[in-house]
Amino acid sequence: MDEVMNAIADPVRREILSLLHGEPRTAGDLASRFPISRPAVSRHLRVLRESGLVHDRLVGRQRVYSLDPAPLTGLAEWIALLRSPTGWHHRLDALETEVRRTTRERTRRTPKENSA
């Protein structure tokens, strides 16, 4: 997970992942979208490849990169764990939800139903 976090820590690499999300792209196409040198983009692609976030294949003389989001699963689960309430907070949130639902149901009833 640390390798994935390090890979996505850089804004250029995050942008590369965003570009690859829609479709596979050649290294040249990716490099043309950044104001940095082609060797710098190649270094970013190498970091992404080593972390498993992208895969490359040779098509003729061009290297085509594609996104592999699988390594993000562990990171997403860890983030979800940190975001989820624990202990009493979770129970109190559930209680608040139930109170709001019950209140909403009571206000929707007609006056005749409320008097019954």
N, C-alpha and C. Protein backbone atom coordinates (compact mmCIF):
# COMPACT_ATOMS: atom_id res chain seq x y z
N MET A 1 0.82 -1.19 0.00
CA MET A 1 0.00 0.00 0.00
C MET A 1 0.87 1.26 0.00
N ASP A 2 2.01 1.22 0.68
CA ASP A 2 2.89 2.39 0.72
C ASP A 2 3.39 2.77 -0.67
N GLU A 3 3.69 1.75 -1.47
CA GLU A 3 4.17 2.01 -2.82
C GLU A 3 3.10 2.71 -3.66
N VAL A 4 1.86 2.30 -3.49
CA VAL A 4 0.75 2.93 -4.21
C VAL A 4 0.57 4.36 -3.73
N MET A 5 0.63 4.57 -2.41
CA MET A 5 0.48 5.94 -1.87
C MET A 5 1.59 6.85 -2.39
N ASN A 6 2.81 6.34 -2.42
CA ASN A 6 3.92 7.14 -2.95
C ASN A 6 3.71 7.46 -4.43
N ALA A 7 3.19 6.49 -5.17
CA ALA A 7 2.98 6.69 -6.60
C ALA A 7 1.93 7.76 -6.87
N ILE A 8 0.87 7.79 -6.08
CA ILE A 8 -0.19 8.77 -6.35
C ILE A 8 0.03 10.09 -5.61
N ALA A 9 1.12 10.20 -4.88
CA ALA A 9 1.40 11.43 -4.15
C ALA A 9 1.75 12.59 -5.08
N ASP A 10 2.26 12.28 -6.25
CA ASP A 10 2.68 13.31 -7.18
C ASP A 10 1.53 13.73 -8.09
N PRO A 11 1.30 15.04 -8.25
CA PRO A 11 0.18 15.49 -9.09
C PRO A 11 0.30 15.09 -10.56
N VAL A 12 1.51 15.01 -11.08
CA VAL A 12 1.67 14.59 -12.48
C VAL A 12 1.22 13.14 -12.63
N ARG A 13 1.60 12.30 -11.69
CA ARG A 13 1.21 10.89 -11.78
C ARG A 13 -0.28 10.73 -11.61
N ARG A 14 -0.90 11.53 -10.74
CA ARG A 14 -2.36 11.46 -10.61
C ARG A 14 -3.04 11.87 -11.92
N GLU A 15 -2.49 12.88 -12.57
CA GLU A 15 -3.07 13.31 -13.86
C GLU A 15 -2.89 12.23 -14.92
N ILE A 16 -1.75 11.55 -14.91
CA ILE A 16 -1.53 10.44 -15.85
C ILE A 16 -2.58 9.35 -15.61
N LEU A 17 -2.84 9.03 -14.35
CA LEU A 17 -3.86 8.02 -14.05
C LEU A 17 -5.23 8.46 -14.53
N SER A 18 -5.53 9.74 -14.36
CA SER A 18 -6.82 10.26 -14.84
C SER A 18 -6.92 10.14 -16.35
N LEU A 19 -5.85 10.44 -17.05
CA LEU A 19 -5.85 10.32 -18.51
C LEU A 19 -6.02 8.87 -18.96
N LEU A 20 -5.42 7.96 -18.21
CA LEU A 20 -5.51 6.54 -18.57
C LEU A 20 -6.84 5.92 -18.15
N HIS A 21 -7.57 6.59 -17.30
CA HIS A 21 -8.85 6.06 -16.84
C HIS A 21 -9.82 5.87 -18.01
N GLY A 22 -9.81 6.77 -18.94
CA GLY A 22 -10.73 6.67 -20.08
C GLY A 22 -10.32 5.67 -21.12
N GLU A 23 -9.02 5.56 -21.37
CA GLU A 23 -8.55 4.68 -22.44
C GLU A 23 -7.04 4.53 -22.38
N PRO A 24 -6.51 3.44 -22.94
CA PRO A 24 -5.05 3.30 -23.03
C PRO A 24 -4.48 4.40 -23.92
N ARG A 25 -3.26 4.82 -23.61
CA ARG A 25 -2.62 5.89 -24.38
C ARG A 25 -1.14 5.56 -24.59
N THR A 26 -0.60 6.10 -25.66
CA THR A 26 0.81 5.90 -25.91
C THR A 26 1.62 6.82 -25.00
N ALA A 27 2.88 6.47 -24.81
CA ALA A 27 3.77 7.29 -23.99
C ALA A 27 3.90 8.68 -24.61
N GLY A 28 3.97 8.75 -25.93
CA GLY A 28 4.09 10.04 -26.60
C GLY A 28 2.88 10.92 -26.40
N ASP A 29 1.69 10.33 -26.46
CA ASP A 29 0.46 11.08 -26.22
C ASP A 29 0.44 11.62 -24.80
N LEU A 30 0.80 10.78 -23.84
CA LEU A 30 0.84 11.24 -22.45
C LEU A 30 1.84 12.37 -22.27
N ALA A 31 3.03 12.20 -22.84
CA ALA A 31 4.08 13.22 -22.68
C ALA A 31 3.67 14.55 -23.30
N SER A 32 2.90 14.51 -24.38
CA SER A 32 2.52 15.75 -25.06
C SER A 32 1.54 16.58 -24.23
N ARG A 33 0.97 16.01 -23.21
CA ARG A 33 -0.02 16.71 -22.39
C ARG A 33 0.57 17.42 -21.17
N PHE A 34 1.88 17.34 -21.02
CA PHE A 34 2.53 17.95 -19.86
C PHE A 34 3.63 18.92 -20.28
N PRO A 35 3.85 19.95 -19.48
CA PRO A 35 4.90 20.93 -19.81
C PRO A 35 6.30 20.46 -19.38
N ILE A 36 6.42 19.21 -18.99
CA ILE A 36 7.72 18.68 -18.58
C ILE A 36 8.31 17.85 -19.71
N SER A 37 9.57 17.50 -19.59
CA SER A 37 10.25 16.76 -20.66
C SER A 37 9.72 15.33 -20.78
N ARG A 38 9.91 14.75 -21.95
CA ARG A 38 9.50 13.35 -22.17
C ARG A 38 10.20 12.40 -21.21
N PRO A 39 11.53 12.58 -20.96
CA PRO A 39 12.18 11.69 -19.99
C PRO A 39 11.56 11.80 -18.59
N ALA A 40 11.12 12.99 -18.21
CA ALA A 40 10.48 13.16 -16.90
C ALA A 40 9.15 12.39 -16.85
N VAL A 41 8.38 12.46 -17.94
CA VAL A 41 7.12 11.71 -18.00
C VAL A 41 7.42 10.21 -17.97
N SER A 42 8.48 9.79 -18.64
CA SER A 42 8.87 8.37 -18.63
C SER A 42 9.21 7.91 -17.21
N ARG A 43 9.87 8.76 -16.44
CA ARG A 43 10.18 8.41 -15.05
C ARG A 43 8.88 8.26 -14.23
N HIS A 44 7.93 9.16 -14.46
CA HIS A 44 6.64 9.05 -13.77
C HIS A 44 5.94 7.75 -14.16
N LEU A 45 5.97 7.42 -15.44
CA LEU A 45 5.35 6.18 -15.91
C LEU A 45 6.03 4.95 -15.30
N ARG A 46 7.34 5.02 -15.14
CA ARG A 46 8.07 3.91 -14.52
C ARG A 46 7.62 3.70 -13.07
N VAL A 47 7.45 4.80 -12.31
CA VAL A 47 6.98 4.70 -10.93
C VAL A 47 5.59 4.08 -10.89
N LEU A 48 4.71 4.52 -11.78
CA LEU A 48 3.35 3.97 -11.84
C LEU A 48 3.36 2.49 -12.23
N ARG A 49 4.24 2.14 -13.14
CA ARG A 49 4.35 0.74 -13.58
C ARG A 49 4.88 -0.13 -12.44
N GLU A 50 5.88 0.34 -11.72
CA GLU A 50 6.47 -0.43 -10.62
C GLU A 50 5.49 -0.60 -9.46
N SER A 51 4.56 0.34 -9.31
CA SER A 51 3.55 0.22 -8.25
C SER A 51 2.38 -0.67 -8.69
N GLY A 52 2.36 -1.02 -9.98
CA GLY A 52 1.29 -1.87 -10.50
C GLY A 52 0.05 -1.13 -10.96
N LEU A 53 0.10 0.21 -10.92
CA LEU A 53 -1.07 1.00 -11.30
C LEU A 53 -1.25 1.10 -12.82
N VAL A 54 -0.18 0.93 -13.56
CA VAL A 54 -0.29 0.92 -15.03
C VAL A 54 0.48 -0.27 -15.58
N HIS A 55 0.03 -0.72 -16.72
CA HIS A 55 0.72 -1.78 -17.46
C HIS A 55 1.05 -1.22 -18.83
N ASP A 56 2.12 -1.71 -19.39
CA ASP A 56 2.50 -1.25 -20.73
C ASP A 56 2.68 -2.45 -21.65
N ARG A 57 2.49 -2.17 -22.94
CA ARG A 57 2.73 -3.19 -23.96
C ARG A 57 3.30 -2.48 -25.17
N LEU A 58 4.11 -3.21 -25.88
CA LEU A 58 4.74 -2.66 -27.07
C LEU A 58 3.85 -2.96 -28.27
N VAL A 59 3.45 -1.90 -28.98
CA VAL A 59 2.65 -2.03 -30.19
C VAL A 59 3.47 -1.36 -31.29
N GLY A 60 4.10 -2.19 -32.11
CA GLY A 60 5.01 -1.64 -33.11
C GLY A 60 6.18 -0.98 -32.40
N ARG A 61 6.37 0.30 -32.68
CA ARG A 61 7.45 1.04 -32.03
C ARG A 61 6.94 1.89 -30.87
N GLN A 62 5.67 1.78 -30.56
CA GLN A 62 5.10 2.61 -29.50
C GLN A 62 4.78 1.77 -28.27
N ARG A 63 4.97 2.39 -27.13
CA ARG A 63 4.61 1.76 -25.87
C ARG A 63 3.25 2.32 -25.45
N VAL A 64 2.29 1.42 -25.24
CA VAL A 64 0.92 1.82 -24.88
C VAL A 64 0.69 1.47 -23.41
N TYR A 65 0.21 2.46 -22.68
CA TYR A 65 -0.02 2.30 -21.24
C TYR A 65 -1.52 2.20 -20.97
N SER A 66 -1.87 1.36 -19.99
CA SER A 66 -3.26 1.24 -19.56
C SER A 66 -3.31 1.19 -18.04
N LEU A 67 -4.41 1.64 -17.51
CA LEU A 67 -4.63 1.73 -16.07
C LEU A 67 -5.02 0.37 -15.50
N ASP A 68 -4.47 0.05 -14.34
CA ASP A 68 -4.90 -1.12 -13.57
C ASP A 68 -5.25 -0.62 -12.17
N PRO A 69 -6.54 -0.40 -11.89
CA PRO A 69 -6.93 0.17 -10.60
C PRO A 69 -6.87 -0.82 -9.43
N ALA A 70 -6.59 -2.09 -9.67
CA ALA A 70 -6.60 -3.10 -8.61
C ALA A 70 -5.72 -2.73 -7.41
N PRO A 71 -4.51 -2.20 -7.60
CA PRO A 71 -3.70 -1.85 -6.43
C PRO A 71 -4.31 -0.75 -5.55
N LEU A 72 -5.29 -0.03 -6.06
CA LEU A 72 -5.94 1.02 -5.26
C LEU A 72 -6.93 0.44 -4.26
N THR A 73 -7.30 -0.82 -4.41
CA THR A 73 -8.31 -1.43 -3.54
C THR A 73 -7.91 -1.39 -2.08
N GLY A 74 -6.69 -1.80 -1.79
CA GLY A 74 -6.22 -1.79 -0.40
C GLY A 74 -6.23 -0.40 0.20
N LEU A 75 -5.82 0.58 -0.59
CA LEU A 75 -5.82 1.97 -0.14
C LEU A 75 -7.24 2.47 0.08
N ALA A 76 -8.15 2.14 -0.83
CA ALA A 76 -9.54 2.56 -0.69
C ALA A 76 -10.18 1.94 0.55
N GLU A 77 -9.87 0.69 0.83
CA GLU A 77 -10.41 0.04 2.02
C GLU A 77 -9.88 0.69 3.29
N TRP A 78 -8.60 1.04 3.30
CA TRP A 78 -7.99 1.70 4.45
C TRP A 78 -8.63 3.06 4.69
N ILE A 79 -8.84 3.82 3.63
CA ILE A 79 -9.48 5.13 3.74
C ILE A 79 -10.91 4.98 4.25
N ALA A 80 -11.63 3.99 3.73
CA ALA A 80 -13.01 3.75 4.18
C ALA A 80 -13.04 3.40 5.66
N LEU A 81 -12.05 2.64 6.12
CA LEU A 81 -11.98 2.28 7.53
C LEU A 81 -11.79 3.53 8.39
N LEU A 82 -10.92 4.42 7.95
CA LEU A 82 -10.69 5.65 8.70
C LEU A 82 -11.90 6.57 8.70
N ARG A 83 -12.66 6.54 7.64
CA ARG A 83 -13.83 7.41 7.52
C ARG A 83 -15.05 6.87 8.27
N SER A 84 -15.06 5.58 8.52
CA SER A 84 -16.25 4.99 9.16
C SER A 84 -16.26 5.30 10.65
N PRO A 85 -17.44 5.58 11.18
CA PRO A 85 -17.55 5.85 12.61
C PRO A 85 -17.29 4.57 13.41
N THR A 86 -16.82 4.75 14.63
CA THR A 86 -16.54 3.60 15.48
C THR A 86 -17.29 3.74 16.79
N GLY A 87 -17.46 2.62 17.45
CA GLY A 87 -18.03 2.60 18.79
C GLY A 87 -19.37 3.31 18.89
N TRP A 88 -19.51 4.15 19.89
CA TRP A 88 -20.76 4.84 20.15
C TRP A 88 -21.14 5.82 19.05
N HIS A 89 -20.15 6.39 18.42
CA HIS A 89 -20.46 7.34 17.34
C HIS A 89 -21.31 6.67 16.26
N HIS A 90 -20.95 5.46 15.92
CA HIS A 90 -21.69 4.72 14.90
C HIS A 90 -23.12 4.45 15.37
N ARG A 91 -23.25 4.03 16.61
CA ARG A 91 -24.58 3.72 17.14
C ARG A 91 -25.44 4.98 17.25
N LEU A 92 -24.82 6.08 17.67
CA LEU A 92 -25.57 7.32 17.79
C LEU A 92 -26.00 7.84 16.41
N ASP A 93 -25.15 7.65 15.40
CA ASP A 93 -25.53 8.04 14.04
C ASP A 93 -26.73 7.23 13.58
N ALA A 94 -26.73 5.94 13.88
CA ALA A 94 -27.86 5.08 13.50
C ALA A 94 -29.12 5.50 14.23
N LEU A 95 -28.99 5.85 15.52
CA LEU A 95 -30.14 6.32 16.29
C LEU A 95 -30.68 7.61 15.71
N GLU A 96 -29.80 8.54 15.35
CA GLU A 96 -30.23 9.81 14.77
C GLU A 96 -30.99 9.57 13.46
N THR A 97 -30.50 8.67 12.66
CA THR A 97 -31.16 8.34 11.39
C THR A 97 -32.57 7.80 11.66
N GLU A 98 -32.69 6.91 12.63
CA GLU A 98 -33.99 6.33 12.95
C GLU A 98 -34.95 7.38 13.50
N VAL A 99 -34.47 8.29 14.34
CA VAL A 99 -35.32 9.35 14.89
C VAL A 99 -35.82 10.24 13.76
N ARG A 100 -34.95 10.61 12.86
CA ARG A 100 -35.36 11.46 11.73
C ARG A 100 -36.39 10.76 10.84
N ARG A 101 -36.19 9.46 10.60
CA ARG A 101 -37.12 8.71 9.77
C ARG A 101 -38.49 8.65 10.43
N THR A 102 -38.51 8.37 11.72
CA THR A 102 -39.78 8.29 12.45
C THR A 102 -40.48 9.64 12.47
N THR A 103 -39.73 10.70 12.71
CA THR A 103 -40.31 12.05 12.71
C THR A 103 -40.89 12.38 11.35
N ARG A 104 -40.18 12.05 10.31
CA ARG A 104 -40.65 12.32 8.95
C ARG A 104 -41.94 11.55 8.66
N GLU A 105 -42.01 10.29 9.10
CA GLU A 105 -43.21 9.49 8.89
C GLU A 105 -44.40 10.08 9.64
N ARG A 106 -44.17 10.56 10.84
CA ARG A 106 -45.26 11.13 11.63
C ARG A 106 -45.79 12.41 11.00
N THR A 107 -44.91 13.23 10.45
CA THR A 107 -45.36 14.49 9.85
C THR A 107 -46.07 14.24 8.53
N ARG A 108 -45.85 13.12 7.90
CA ARG A 108 -46.53 12.81 6.63
C ARG A 108 -47.94 12.29 6.84
N ARG A 109 -48.24 11.81 8.02
CA ARG A 109 -49.59 11.28 8.28
C ARG A 109 -50.61 12.41 8.24
N THR A 110 -51.80 12.08 7.84
CA THR A 110 -52.88 13.07 7.85
C THR A 110 -53.33 13.30 9.28
N PRO A 111 -54.02 14.43 9.56
CA PRO A 111 -54.48 14.68 10.93
C PRO A 111 -55.37 13.57 11.46
N LYS A 112 -56.17 12.94 10.62
CA LYS A 112 -57.05 11.85 11.04
C LYS A 112 -56.23 10.66 11.56
N GLU A 113 -55.11 10.33 10.84
CA GLU A 113 -54.26 9.23 11.25
C GLU A 113 -53.58 9.55 12.57
N ASN A 114 -53.18 10.80 12.80
CA ASN A 114 -52.50 11.20 14.01
C ASN A 114 -53.41 11.09 15.23
N SER A 115 -54.71 11.32 15.04
CA SER A 115 -55.62 11.27 16.17
C SER A 115 -56.01 9.84 16.53
N ALA A 116 -55.77 8.90 15.64
CA ALA A 116 -56.15 7.52 15.89
C ALA A 116 -55.22 6.82 16.86
